[in-house]
C-alpha cells in the first residue's frame, strides 16, 4: 500500500485518547480491508489509527478481511479474536463498506454485540464513498475539537432530555413529531465520558418512542442503502404513522428495505433522530460524515437498542436532510 505523503491526521493519538480513555497496555483490534481500486482510505486510516494507539502504548493487532456488504458476515477468525478480548479493550473498525453481521448467536448487529461486551468501539464505515479529493474534508472533520463547542452541546442535550415531544420541520416539506418522554439523548463529541463510538464526531442523537412518531420527512441530503451512501439528486419522502414507515417514495431505499425484510422486519421502525453539530464537516455523500454536518438532521430506520431504544434490528439506515427547525415542547431549539 503506497501511502500518500500528505496523508496525515493531526493529533490522532490525542483524539483517540480523549475519545476512548485509552490507557497503557490496553488491547486493541483494528479491523480493515484492502480498499477498492484506487480508494485505499480504509486501510490508510487503519494504519494511522494503529500508529496512534501504539504511541499510547496499546497492544495492537491489525486484521484484514474482504470487503463486506450489509448482508455478509464478519470473518469467523476475526469474530473469535473479538470474543476473546478482555473488558475495556479497544475495537477499531475502518472499512470500505461495512463490517459484516455477527456470524453466531442472536445478536447480529456488530455495534450492539461489541458494546454489550463492554468494549470501546471506534468505527468509520463506508469509506469507499469518500473520493480522494474529499479526503482533506474527512480529515478536517475528524480533527474537530469538541471542547470548543461542549457547552452548547450539553445545553442542547439538557433541553432535549427535559422535553417530552420534538417537532422538526424544514422548508422542503418535513413536518415530523416524535415522543421522547423518558428517553435520553447522546452526544457524539469525542470525549470518553459521553461514550462516543464513531469518527468524525459532532452530533446529538436520541431514540424516540418507537410507537409514537407521526408525520413526514423530506430527505434532501444523503441516502443510505445496502449499496452504500450518496448525495441525493432528487428528494424523497418518508412518512410515518405510530412509528411505522407507511410511505417511501425512494425506489432505491424501497429495494433495500425489501431485501432486509427477508432477514429482519424491524427495519420499518423510525429508530433515531440526530442533529449535526460539526462545523468542519461538509456534505460529500458519506453518511458517517454527512450526519455530523452543522445545519443538518437525520432520521434512521432500524436498530436503536445500543442508545436507549427498544427496536432490535441487524440494520441501521441513516437518511440526512438539510436546514431543520426543531421545537422541544413547543419551544424553538437554538443550535
C-alpha atoms as a PDB file:
ATOM      1  CA  UNK A   1       0.000   0.000   0.000  1.00  0.00           C
ATOM      2  CA  UNK A   2       1.549   3.264  -1.158  1.00  0.00           C
ATOM      3  CA  UNK A   3       0.733   5.933   1.372  1.00  0.00           C
ATOM      4  CA  UNK A   4       0.339   9.493   0.045  1.00  0.00           C
ATOM      5  CA  UNK A   5       2.949  11.708   1.653  1.00  0.00           C
ATOM      6  CA  UNK A   6       0.327  14.287   2.558  1.00  0.00           C
ATOM      7  CA  UNK A   7      -1.964  11.810   4.359  1.00  0.00           C
ATOM      8  CA  UNK A   8      -1.696  12.975   7.942  1.00  0.00           C
ATOM      9  CA  UNK A   9      -4.246  13.238  10.749  1.00  0.00           C
ATOM     10  CA  UNK A  10      -3.010  15.827  13.252  1.00  0.00           C
ATOM     11  CA  UNK A  11      -3.176  14.821  16.925  1.00  0.00           C
ATOM     12  CA  UNK A  12      -4.819  11.466  16.203  1.00  0.00           C
ATOM     13  CA  UNK A  13      -3.272   9.956  19.336  1.00  0.00           C
ATOM     14  CA  UNK A  14      -4.817  12.747  21.434  1.00  0.00           C
ATOM     15  CA  UNK A  15      -8.173  12.352  19.651  1.00  0.00           C
ATOM     16  CA  UNK A  16      -8.245   8.625  20.415  1.00  0.00           C
ATOM     17  CA  UNK A  17      -7.109   9.055  23.996  1.00  0.00           C
ATOM     18  CA  UNK A  18      -9.730  11.719  24.717  1.00  0.00           C
ATOM     19  CA  UNK A  19     -12.468   9.830  22.930  1.00  0.00           C
ATOM     20  CA  UNK A  20     -11.968   6.388  24.394  1.00  0.00           C
ATOM     21  CA  UNK A  21      -9.919   6.880  27.554  1.00  0.00           C
ATOM     22  CA  UNK A  22      -7.056   4.859  26.111  1.00  0.00           C
ATOM     23  CA  UNK A  23      -4.614   3.575  28.723  1.00  0.00           C
ATOM     24  CA  UNK A  24      -1.188   1.930  28.706  1.00  0.00           C
ATOM     25  CA  UNK A  25      -1.294  -1.738  27.718  1.00  0.00           C
ATOM     26  CA  UNK A  26      -4.893  -1.645  26.503  1.00  0.00           C
ATOM     27  CA  UNK A  27      -5.529  -4.417  23.996  1.00  0.00           C
ATOM     28  CA  UNK A  28      -6.747  -3.222  20.596  1.00  0.00           C
ATOM     29  CA  UNK A  29      -8.033  -4.978  17.486  1.00  0.00           C
ATOM     30  CA  UNK A  30      -8.140  -2.920  14.301  1.00  0.00           C
ATOM     31  CA  UNK A  31     -10.329  -4.331  11.519  1.00  0.00           C
ATOM     32  CA  UNK A  32      -9.953  -3.120   7.944  1.00  0.00           C
ATOM     33  CA  UNK A  33      -9.822  -4.274   4.307  1.00  0.00           C
ATOM     34  CA  UNK A  34      -7.598  -3.586   1.297  1.00  0.00           C
ATOM     35  CA  UNK A  35      -9.731  -0.808  -0.183  1.00  0.00           C
ATOM     36  CA  UNK A  36     -11.326  -0.671  -3.607  1.00  0.00           C
ATOM     37  CA  UNK A  37      -9.080   0.006  -6.595  1.00  0.00           C
ATOM     38  CA  UNK A  38      -7.549   3.441  -6.013  1.00  0.00           C
ATOM     39  CA  UNK A  39      -9.617   4.150  -2.911  1.00  0.00           C
ATOM     40  CA  UNK A  40      -7.443   2.916  -0.065  1.00  0.00           C
ATOM     41  CA  UNK A  41      -8.777   5.298   2.573  1.00  0.00           C
ATOM     42  CA  UNK A  42      -9.936   2.433   4.831  1.00  0.00           C
ATOM     43  CA  UNK A  43      -6.525   0.719   5.207  1.00  0.00           C
ATOM     44  CA  UNK A  44      -4.755   4.090   5.331  1.00  0.00           C
ATOM     45  CA  UNK A  45      -6.913   5.248   8.224  1.00  0.00           C
ATOM     46  CA  UNK A  46      -6.470   1.880   9.963  1.00  0.00           C
ATOM     47  CA  UNK A  47      -2.691   2.199   9.660  1.00  0.00           C
ATOM     48  CA  UNK A  48      -2.759   5.687  11.173  1.00  0.00           C
ATOM     49  CA  UNK A  49      -5.027   4.501  13.988  1.00  0.00           C
ATOM     50  CA  UNK A  50      -2.634   1.633  14.739  1.00  0.00           C
ATOM     51  CA  UNK A  51       0.335   4.011  14.826  1.00  0.00           C
ATOM     52  CA  UNK A  52      -1.537   6.404  17.127  1.00  0.00           C
ATOM     53  CA  UNK A  53      -2.625   3.628  19.504  1.00  0.00           C
ATOM     54  CA  UNK A  54       0.913   2.245  19.635  1.00  0.00           C
ATOM     55  CA  UNK A  55       2.108   5.734  20.545  1.00  0.00           C
ATOM     56  CA  UNK A  56      -0.270   5.384  23.506  1.00  0.00           C
ATOM     57  CA  UNK A  57       1.362   2.014  24.385  1.00  0.00           C
ATOM     58  CA  UNK A  58      -1.554  -0.168  23.296  1.00  0.00           C
ATOM     59  CA  UNK A  59      -1.058  -3.761  22.211  1.00  0.00           C
ATOM     60  CA  UNK A  60      -2.463  -3.667  18.676  1.00  0.00           C
ATOM     61  CA  UNK A  61      -3.440  -6.326  16.166  1.00  0.00           C
ATOM     62  CA  UNK A  62      -4.307  -5.193  12.630  1.00  0.00           C
ATOM     63  CA  UNK A  63      -6.768  -7.634  10.990  1.00  0.00           C
ATOM     64  CA  UNK A  64      -7.798  -7.520   7.337  1.00  0.00           C
ATOM     65  CA  UNK A  65     -10.862  -9.132   5.814  1.00  0.00           C
ATOM     66  CA  UNK A  66     -12.531  -8.970   2.414  1.00  0.00           C
ATOM     67  CA  UNK A  67     -14.873  -6.044   1.783  1.00  0.00           C
ATOM     68  CA  UNK A  68     -18.286  -6.803   3.263  1.00  0.00           C
ATOM     69  CA  UNK A  69     -21.794  -5.870   2.207  1.00  0.00           C
ATOM     70  CA  UNK A  70     -24.506  -5.244   4.785  1.00  0.00           C
ATOM     71  CA  UNK A  71     -25.736  -8.827   4.393  1.00  0.00           C
ATOM     72  CA  UNK A  72     -22.294 -10.510   4.653  1.00  0.00           C
ATOM     73  CA  UNK A  73     -20.860 -11.880   7.877  1.00  0.00           C
ATOM     74  CA  UNK A  74     -17.779 -10.821   9.774  1.00  0.00           C
ATOM     75  CA  UNK A  75     -14.890 -13.246   9.194  1.00  0.00           C
ATOM     76  CA  UNK A  76     -15.170 -16.001  11.777  1.00  0.00           C
ATOM     77  CA  UNK A  77     -11.448 -15.804  12.658  1.00  0.00           C
ATOM     78  CA  UNK A  78     -11.865 -12.116  13.458  1.00  0.00           C
ATOM     79  CA  UNK A  79     -15.038 -12.848  15.417  1.00  0.00           C
ATOM     80  CA  UNK A  80     -13.155 -15.414  17.506  1.00  0.00           C
ATOM     81  CA  UNK A  81     -10.397 -12.915  18.348  1.00  0.00           C
ATOM     82  CA  UNK A  82     -13.019 -10.295  19.122  1.00  0.00           C
ATOM     83  CA  UNK A  83     -14.776 -12.676  21.508  1.00  0.00           C
ATOM     84  CA  UNK A  84     -11.571 -13.235  23.489  1.00  0.00           C
ATOM     85  CA  UNK A  85     -10.842  -9.562  24.178  1.00  0.00           C
ATOM     86  CA  UNK A  86     -10.835  -8.565  27.851  1.00  0.00           C
ATOM     87  CA  UNK A  87     -13.230  -5.907  29.142  1.00  0.00           C
ATOM     88  CA  UNK A  88     -12.458  -2.295  28.132  1.00  0.00           C
ATOM     89  CA  UNK A  89     -10.311  -3.364  25.194  1.00  0.00           C
ATOM     90  CA  UNK A  90     -10.459  -1.253  22.041  1.00  0.00           C
ATOM     91  CA  UNK A  91     -12.116  -2.307  18.788  1.00  0.00           C
ATOM     92  CA  UNK A  92     -11.350  -0.115  15.773  1.00  0.00           C
ATOM     93  CA  UNK A  93     -13.261  -0.506  12.519  1.00  0.00           C
ATOM     94  CA  UNK A  94     -12.032   1.250   9.399  1.00  0.00           C
ATOM     95  CA  UNK A  95     -13.683  -0.344   6.371  1.00  0.00           C
ATOM     96  CA  UNK A  96     -14.573   0.498   2.787  1.00  0.00           C
ATOM     97  CA  UNK A  97     -18.181  -0.604   3.070  1.00  0.00           C
ATOM     98  CA  UNK A  98     -19.484  -2.410   6.147  1.00  0.00           C
ATOM     99  CA  UNK A  99     -18.076  -4.583   8.913  1.00  0.00           C
ATOM    100  CA  UNK A 100     -20.496  -7.513   8.454  1.00  0.00           C
ATOM    101  CA  UNK A 101     -23.019  -9.245  10.674  1.00  0.00           C
ATOM    102  CA  UNK A 102     -22.066 -11.270  13.752  1.00  0.00           C
ATOM    103  CA  UNK A 103     -21.816 -14.883  12.493  1.00  0.00           C
ATOM    104  CA  UNK A 104     -23.278 -16.655  15.517  1.00  0.00           C
ATOM    105  CA  UNK A 105     -25.829 -16.086  18.296  1.00  0.00           C
ATOM    106  CA  UNK A 106     -28.979 -13.962  18.308  1.00  0.00           C
ATOM    107  CA  UNK A 107     -27.289 -10.514  18.282  1.00  0.00           C
ATOM    108  CA  UNK A 108     -26.341  -9.936  14.637  1.00  0.00           C
ATOM    109  CA  UNK A 109     -25.617  -6.202  14.798  1.00  0.00           C
ATOM    110  CA  UNK A 110     -21.868  -5.668  15.187  1.00  0.00           C
ATOM    111  CA  UNK A 111     -22.091  -2.453  17.198  1.00  0.00           C
ATOM    112  CA  UNK A 112     -24.621  -3.901  19.635  1.00  0.00           C
ATOM    113  CA  UNK A 113     -22.508  -7.036  20.104  1.00  0.00           C
ATOM    114  CA  UNK A 114     -19.316  -5.091  20.817  1.00  0.00           C
ATOM    115  CA  UNK A 115     -20.851  -2.577  23.222  1.00  0.00           C
ATOM    116  CA  UNK A 116     -22.672  -5.273  25.189  1.00  0.00           C
ATOM    117  CA  UNK A 117     -19.253  -6.833  25.846  1.00  0.00           C
ATOM    118  CA  UNK A 118     -18.031  -3.531  27.360  1.00  0.00           C
ATOM    119  CA  UNK A 119     -15.506  -2.922  24.611  1.00  0.00           C
ATOM    120  CA  UNK A 120     -14.540   0.549  23.405  1.00  0.00           C
ATOM    121  CA  UNK A 121     -15.697   0.899  19.808  1.00  0.00           C
ATOM    122  CA  UNK A 122     -14.160   3.295  17.286  1.00  0.00           C
ATOM    123  CA  UNK A 123     -15.661   2.938  13.830  1.00  0.00           C
ATOM    124  CA  UNK A 124     -15.591   4.533  10.412  1.00  0.00           C
ATOM    125  CA  UNK A 125     -17.736   2.763   7.810  1.00  0.00           C
ATOM    126  CA  UNK A 126     -18.433   3.305   4.120  1.00  0.00           C
ATOM    127  CA  UNK A 127     -15.070   4.893   3.346  1.00  0.00           C
ATOM    128  CA  UNK A 128     -15.306   3.770  -0.299  1.00  0.00           C
ATOM    129  CA  UNK A 129     -17.788   6.622  -0.758  1.00  0.00           C
ATOM    130  CA  UNK A 130     -15.191   9.285   0.004  1.00  0.00           C
ATOM    131  CA  UNK A 131     -13.433  10.450  -3.139  1.00  0.00           C
ATOM    132  CA  UNK A 132      -9.755  11.263  -2.851  1.00  0.00           C
ATOM    133  CA  UNK A 133     -10.414  14.947  -3.368  1.00  0.00           C
ATOM    134  CA  UNK A 134     -12.669  14.811  -0.286  1.00  0.00           C
ATOM    135  CA  UNK A 135     -10.095  13.144   1.998  1.00  0.00           C
ATOM    136  CA  UNK A 136      -8.965  16.534   3.390  1.00  0.00           C
ATOM    137  CA  UNK A 137     -12.599  17.337   4.304  1.00  0.00           C
ATOM    138  CA  UNK A 138     -12.914  13.999   6.099  1.00  0.00           C
ATOM    139  CA  UNK A 139      -9.635  14.530   7.988  1.00  0.00           C
ATOM    140  CA  UNK A 140     -10.638  18.089   8.873  1.00  0.00           C
ATOM    141  CA  UNK A 141     -13.917  16.804  10.321  1.00  0.00           C
ATOM    142  CA  UNK A 142     -12.056  14.177  12.383  1.00  0.00           C
ATOM    143  CA  UNK A 143      -9.796  16.914  13.738  1.00  0.00           C
ATOM    144  CA  UNK A 144     -12.754  18.975  15.025  1.00  0.00           C
ATOM    145  CA  UNK A 145     -12.086  19.932  18.659  1.00  0.00           C
ATOM    146  CA  UNK A 146     -15.372  19.305  20.518  1.00  0.00           C
ATOM    147  CA  UNK A 147     -14.196  21.029  23.705  1.00  0.00           C
ATOM    148  CA  UNK A 148     -14.781  24.386  21.989  1.00  0.00           C
ATOM    149  CA  UNK A 149     -18.476  23.554  21.477  1.00  0.00           C
ATOM    150  CA  UNK A 150     -19.058  21.370  24.526  1.00  0.00           C
ATOM    151  CA  UNK A 151     -21.034  23.964  26.493  1.00  0.00           C
ATOM    152  CA  UNK A 152     -23.505  24.359  23.622  1.00  0.00           C
ATOM    153  CA  UNK A 153     -23.719  20.593  23.122  1.00  0.00           C
ATOM    154  CA  UNK A 154     -24.504  19.986  26.792  1.00  0.00           C
ATOM    155  CA  UNK A 155     -27.133  22.757  26.728  1.00  0.00           C
ATOM    156  CA  UNK A 156     -28.841  21.159  23.716  1.00  0.00           C
ATOM    157  CA  UNK A 157     -28.694  17.742  25.363  1.00  0.00           C
ATOM    158  CA  UNK A 158     -30.252  19.116  28.560  1.00  0.00           C
ATOM    159  CA  UNK A 159     -33.094  20.792  26.653  1.00  0.00           C
ATOM    160  CA  UNK A 160     -33.847  17.571  24.779  1.00  0.00           C
ATOM    161  CA  UNK A 161     -33.578  15.394  27.897  1.00  0.00           C
ATOM    162  CA  UNK A 162     -36.005  17.635  29.784  1.00  0.00           C
ATOM    163  CA  UNK A 163     -38.549  17.560  26.972  1.00  0.00           C
ATOM    164  CA  UNK A 164     -41.465  15.288  26.139  1.00  0.00           C
ATOM    165  CA  UNK A 165     -42.004  15.979  22.447  1.00  0.00           C
ATOM    166  CA  UNK A 166     -39.977  17.089  19.455  1.00  0.00           C
ATOM    167  CA  UNK A 167     -41.377  18.683  16.334  1.00  0.00           C
ATOM    168  CA  UNK A 168     -38.994  19.054  13.414  1.00  0.00           C
ATOM    169  CA  UNK A 169     -39.773  20.914  10.186  1.00  0.00           C
ATOM    170  CA  UNK A 170     -37.905  22.071   7.089  1.00  0.00           C
ATOM    171  CA  UNK A 171     -38.806  24.244   4.116  1.00  0.00           C
ATOM    172  CA  UNK A 172     -38.608  21.213   1.809  1.00  0.00           C
ATOM    173  CA  UNK A 173     -41.772  19.860   3.469  1.00  0.00           C
ATOM    174  CA  UNK A 174     -40.640  17.997   6.565  1.00  0.00           C
ATOM    175  CA  UNK A 175     -43.091  18.027   9.469  1.00  0.00           C
ATOM    176  CA  UNK A 176     -42.427  15.271  11.980  1.00  0.00           C
ATOM    177  CA  UNK A 177     -43.499  14.819  15.596  1.00  0.00           C
ATOM    178  CA  UNK A 178     -41.687  12.499  17.981  1.00  0.00           C
ATOM    179  CA  UNK A 179     -42.339  11.404  21.553  1.00  0.00           C
ATOM    180  CA  UNK A 180     -39.154  11.478  23.667  1.00  0.00           C
ATOM    181  CA  UNK A 181     -40.647  11.192  27.138  1.00  0.00           C
ATOM    182  CA  UNK A 182     -38.327   9.155  29.386  1.00  0.00           C
ATOM    183  CA  UNK A 183     -35.708   8.880  26.618  1.00  0.00           C
ATOM    184  CA  UNK A 184     -32.230  10.404  26.924  1.00  0.00           C
ATOM    185  CA  UNK A 185     -30.086  11.881  24.164  1.00  0.00           C
ATOM    186  CA  UNK A 186     -26.435  11.137  23.497  1.00  0.00           C
ATOM    187  CA  UNK A 187     -23.564  13.410  22.470  1.00  0.00           C
ATOM    188  CA  UNK A 188     -21.063  12.058  19.957  1.00  0.00           C
ATOM    189  CA  UNK A 189     -18.371  14.584  20.750  1.00  0.00           C
ATOM    190  CA  UNK A 190     -15.160  12.596  21.087  1.00  0.00           C
ATOM    191  CA  UNK A 191     -14.957  12.756  24.869  1.00  0.00           C
ATOM    192  CA  UNK A 192     -14.999   9.400  26.635  1.00  0.00           C
ATOM    193  CA  UNK A 193     -17.382  10.464  29.393  1.00  0.00           C
ATOM    194  CA  UNK A 194     -20.072  10.736  26.701  1.00  0.00           C
ATOM    195  CA  UNK A 195     -19.244   7.285  25.258  1.00  0.00           C
ATOM    196  CA  UNK A 196     -18.730   8.255  21.630  1.00  0.00           C
ATOM    197  CA  UNK A 197     -18.289   5.449  19.127  1.00  0.00           C
ATOM    198  CA  UNK A 198     -17.749   6.767  15.620  1.00  0.00           C
ATOM    199  CA  UNK A 199     -15.458   9.223  13.878  1.00  0.00           C
ATOM    200  CA  UNK A 200     -15.798  12.002  12.865  1.00  0.00           C
ATOM    201  CA  UNK A 201     -17.544  13.474  15.907  1.00  0.00           C
ATOM    202  CA  UNK A 202     -20.264  16.070  16.175  1.00  0.00           C
ATOM    203  CA  UNK A 203     -23.886  15.057  16.669  1.00  0.00           C
ATOM    204  CA  UNK A 204     -26.604  14.694  19.268  1.00  0.00           C
ATOM    205  CA  UNK A 205     -28.992  11.798  18.781  1.00  0.00           C
ATOM    206  CA  UNK A 206     -31.911  10.164  20.540  1.00  0.00           C
ATOM    207  CA  UNK A 207     -34.106   7.082  20.211  1.00  0.00           C
ATOM    208  CA  UNK A 208     -37.719   8.324  20.229  1.00  0.00           C
ATOM    209  CA  UNK A 209     -40.645   6.200  21.354  1.00  0.00           C
ATOM    210  CA  UNK A 210     -40.927   3.578  18.609  1.00  0.00           C
ATOM    211  CA  UNK A 211     -44.755   3.681  18.512  1.00  0.00           C
ATOM    212  CA  UNK A 212     -45.475   7.406  18.609  1.00  0.00           C
ATOM    213  CA  UNK A 213     -43.673   9.092  15.691  1.00  0.00           C
ATOM    214  CA  UNK A 214     -46.026  10.715  13.172  1.00  0.00           C
ATOM    215  CA  UNK A 215     -45.550  12.889  10.103  1.00  0.00           C
ATOM    216  CA  UNK A 216     -43.211  13.060   7.160  1.00  0.00           C
ATOM    217  CA  UNK A 217     -39.578  13.804   6.378  1.00  0.00           C
ATOM    218  CA  UNK A 218     -38.301  15.094   3.048  1.00  0.00           C
ATOM    219  CA  UNK A 219     -34.836  13.615   2.600  1.00  0.00           C
ATOM    220  CA  UNK A 220     -32.747  16.048   0.529  1.00  0.00           C
ATOM    221  CA  UNK A 221     -29.187  15.432   1.728  1.00  0.00           C
ATOM    222  CA  UNK A 222     -27.788  11.900   1.768  1.00  0.00           C
ATOM    223  CA  UNK A 223     -29.395   8.495   1.287  1.00  0.00           C
ATOM    224  CA  UNK A 224     -28.115   5.275   2.886  1.00  0.00           C
ATOM    225  CA  UNK A 225     -28.971   1.909   1.303  1.00  0.00           C
ATOM    226  CA  UNK A 226     -27.370  -1.523   1.175  1.00  0.00           C
ATOM    227  CA  UNK A 227     -25.294  -0.236  -1.751  1.00  0.00           C
ATOM    228  CA  UNK A 228     -23.744   2.496   0.387  1.00  0.00           C
ATOM    229  CA  UNK A 229     -24.473   6.184   0.738  1.00  0.00           C
ATOM    230  CA  UNK A 230     -24.617   9.023  -1.763  1.00  0.00           C
ATOM    231  CA  UNK A 231     -25.683  12.612  -2.197  1.00  0.00           C
ATOM    232  CA  UNK A 232     -29.229  12.903  -3.458  1.00  0.00           C
ATOM    233  CA  UNK A 233     -30.127  14.272  -6.853  1.00  0.00           C
ATOM    234  CA  UNK A 234     -33.858  14.026  -6.148  1.00  0.00           C
ATOM    235  CA  UNK A 235     -35.589  14.470  -2.797  1.00  0.00           C
ATOM    236  CA  UNK A 236     -37.801  11.717  -1.451  1.00  0.00           C
ATOM    237  CA  UNK A 237     -40.467  11.436   1.219  1.00  0.00           C
ATOM    238  CA  UNK A 238     -40.661   9.117   4.218  1.00  0.00           C
ATOM    239  CA  UNK A 239     -43.951   9.160   6.104  1.00  0.00           C
ATOM    240  CA  UNK A 240     -44.606   7.560   9.491  1.00  0.00           C
ATOM    241  CA  UNK A 241     -47.675   6.591  11.478  1.00  0.00           C
ATOM    242  CA  UNK A 242     -47.268   5.452  15.067  1.00  0.00           C
ATOM    243  CA  UNK A 243     -43.566   4.906  14.427  1.00  0.00           C
ATOM    244  CA  UNK A 244     -44.044   2.680  11.376  1.00  0.00           C
ATOM    245  CA  UNK A 245     -42.912   3.644   7.884  1.00  0.00           C
ATOM    246  CA  UNK A 246     -46.078   3.858   5.773  1.00  0.00           C
ATOM    247  CA  UNK A 247     -44.824   5.761   2.712  1.00  0.00           C
ATOM    248  CA  UNK A 248     -41.471   5.766   0.929  1.00  0.00           C
ATOM    249  CA  UNK A 249     -41.009   7.482  -2.442  1.00  0.00           C
ATOM    250  CA  UNK A 250     -37.404   6.334  -2.959  1.00  0.00           C
ATOM    251  CA  UNK A 251     -37.094   3.253  -5.186  1.00  0.00           C
ATOM    252  CA  UNK A 252     -33.506   2.646  -4.021  1.00  0.00           C
ATOM    253  CA  UNK A 253     -34.436   2.712  -0.348  1.00  0.00           C
ATOM    254  CA  UNK A 254     -37.561   0.646  -1.027  1.00  0.00           C
ATOM    255  CA  UNK A 255     -35.421  -2.023  -2.723  1.00  0.00           C
ATOM    256  CA  UNK A 256     -33.067  -2.053   0.267  1.00  0.00           C
ATOM    257  CA  UNK A 257     -35.935  -2.414   2.734  1.00  0.00           C
ATOM    258  CA  UNK A 258     -37.456  -5.252   0.684  1.00  0.00           C
ATOM    259  CA  UNK A 259     -34.130  -7.100   0.834  1.00  0.00           C
ATOM    260  CA  UNK A 260     -33.662  -6.501   4.571  1.00  0.00           C
ATOM    261  CA  UNK A 261     -37.250  -7.547   5.369  1.00  0.00           C
ATOM    262  CA  UNK A 262     -36.342 -11.091   4.347  1.00  0.00           C
ATOM    263  CA  UNK A 263     -33.947 -11.076   7.307  1.00  0.00           C
ATOM    264  CA  UNK A 264     -35.387  -8.522   9.715  1.00  0.00           C
ATOM    265  CA  UNK A 265     -38.822  -6.875   9.562  1.00  0.00           C
ATOM    266  CA  UNK A 266     -37.935  -4.384  12.296  1.00  0.00           C
ATOM    267  CA  UNK A 267     -36.240  -2.208   9.680  1.00  0.00           C
ATOM    268  CA  UNK A 268     -39.501  -0.250   9.157  1.00  0.00           C
ATOM    269  CA  UNK A 269     -39.363   1.498  12.551  1.00  0.00           C
ATOM    270  CA  UNK A 270     -38.141   5.080  12.974  1.00  0.00           C
ATOM    271  CA  UNK A 271     -35.272   4.483  15.393  1.00  0.00           C
ATOM    272  CA  UNK A 272     -33.365   7.749  15.700  1.00  0.00           C
ATOM    273  CA  UNK A 273     -33.380  11.484  15.318  1.00  0.00           C
ATOM    274  CA  UNK A 274     -29.922  13.032  15.086  1.00  0.00           C
ATOM    275  CA  UNK A 275     -28.725  16.636  14.825  1.00  0.00           C
ATOM    276  CA  UNK A 276     -25.423  17.548  13.130  1.00  0.00           C
ATOM    277  CA  UNK A 277     -23.088  19.838  15.087  1.00  0.00           C
ATOM    278  CA  UNK A 278     -19.653  19.615  13.437  1.00  0.00           C
ATOM    279  CA  UNK A 279     -18.790  22.966  11.777  1.00  0.00           C
ATOM    280  CA  UNK A 280     -15.897  21.389   9.835  1.00  0.00           C
ATOM    281  CA  UNK A 281     -17.981  18.645   8.222  1.00  0.00           C
ATOM    282  CA  UNK A 282     -19.403  19.018   4.704  1.00  0.00           C
ATOM    283  CA  UNK A 283     -21.925  17.002   2.704  1.00  0.00           C
ATOM    284  CA  UNK A 284     -19.946  14.705   0.428  1.00  0.00           C
ATOM    285  CA  UNK A 285     -22.171  11.623   0.103  1.00  0.00           C
ATOM    286  CA  UNK A 286     -20.801   9.623   3.027  1.00  0.00           C
ATOM    287  CA  UNK A 287     -23.255   9.116   5.868  1.00  0.00           C
ATOM    288  CA  UNK A 288     -20.671   8.878   8.626  1.00  0.00           C
ATOM    289  CA  UNK A 289     -19.516  12.403   7.763  1.00  0.00           C
ATOM    290  CA  UNK A 290     -22.730  13.894   6.380  1.00  0.00           C
ATOM    291  CA  UNK A 291     -24.810  13.152   9.503  1.00  0.00           C
ATOM    292  CA  UNK A 292     -22.405  15.349  11.503  1.00  0.00           C
ATOM    293  CA  UNK A 293     -22.740  18.445   9.290  1.00  0.00           C
ATOM    294  CA  UNK A 294     -23.885  21.539  11.170  1.00  0.00           C
ATOM    295  CA  UNK A 295     -27.212  22.621   9.681  1.00  0.00           C
ATOM    296  CA  UNK A 296     -28.474  19.091   9.011  1.00  0.00           C
ATOM    297  CA  UNK A 297     -30.508  16.478  10.830  1.00  0.00           C
ATOM    298  CA  UNK A 298     -31.076  12.804  10.124  1.00  0.00           C
ATOM    299  CA  UNK A 299     -33.526  10.075  10.922  1.00  0.00           C
ATOM    300  CA  UNK A 300     -32.681   6.384  10.931  1.00  0.00           C
ATOM    301  CA  UNK A 301     -34.618   3.211  10.331  1.00  0.00           C
ATOM    302  CA  UNK A 302     -33.912   0.015  12.232  1.00  0.00           C
ATOM    303  CA  UNK A 303     -31.717  -0.656  15.263  1.00  0.00           C
ATOM    304  CA  UNK A 304     -31.665   1.639  18.298  1.00  0.00           C
ATOM    305  CA  UNK A 305     -31.082  -0.706  21.231  1.00  0.00           C
ATOM    306  CA  UNK A 306     -27.499   0.480  21.752  1.00  0.00           C
ATOM    307  CA  UNK A 307     -28.603   4.045  22.544  1.00  0.00           C
ATOM    308  CA  UNK A 308     -31.713   3.666  24.656  1.00  0.00           C
ATOM    309  CA  UNK A 309     -34.346   2.288  22.305  1.00  0.00           C
ATOM    310  CA  UNK A 310     -36.290  -0.954  22.146  1.00  0.00           C
ATOM    311  CA  UNK A 311     -36.124  -1.849  18.449  1.00  0.00           C
ATOM    312  CA  UNK A 312     -33.764  -4.769  17.946  1.00  0.00           C
ATOM    313  CA  UNK A 313     -32.602  -4.956  14.331  1.00  0.00           C
ATOM    314  CA  UNK A 314     -29.482  -6.039  12.475  1.00  0.00           C
ATOM    315  CA  UNK A 315     -29.516  -2.850  10.389  1.00  0.00           C
ATOM    316  CA  UNK A 316     -29.453   0.915  10.910  1.00  0.00           C
ATOM    317  CA  UNK A 317     -30.021   3.200   7.925  1.00  0.00           C
ATOM    318  CA  UNK A 318     -29.441   6.951   8.374  1.00  0.00           C
ATOM    319  CA  UNK A 319     -31.077   9.449   5.997  1.00  0.00           C
ATOM    320  CA  UNK A 320     -29.830  13.053   6.073  1.00  0.00           C
ATOM    321  CA  UNK A 321     -31.856  16.203   5.420  1.00  0.00           C
ATOM    322  CA  UNK A 322     -30.961  19.891   5.420  1.00  0.00           C
ATOM    323  CA  UNK A 323     -31.990  23.064   7.237  1.00  0.00           C
ATOM    324  CA  UNK A 324     -34.102  21.615  10.046  1.00  0.00           C
ATOM    325  CA  UNK A 325     -36.065  23.712  12.526  1.00  0.00           C
ATOM    326  CA  UNK A 326     -36.575  21.959  15.850  1.00  0.00           C
ATOM    327  CA  UNK A 327     -39.004  22.588  18.696  1.00  0.00           C
ATOM    328  CA  UNK A 328     -38.918  20.946  22.134  1.00  0.00           C
ATOM    329  CA  UNK A 329     -42.360  21.057  23.793  1.00  0.00           C
ATOM    330  CA  UNK A 330     -43.225  23.970  21.544  1.00  0.00           C
ATOM    331  CA  UNK A 331     -40.044  25.998  22.215  1.00  0.00           C
ATOM    332  CA  UNK A 332     -37.593  26.545  19.339  1.00  0.00           C
ATOM    333  CA  UNK A 333     -34.261  24.828  19.953  1.00  0.00           C
ATOM    334  CA  UNK A 334     -31.256  27.038  19.317  1.00  0.00           C
ATOM    335  CA  UNK A 335     -28.489  25.101  17.524  1.00  0.00           C
END
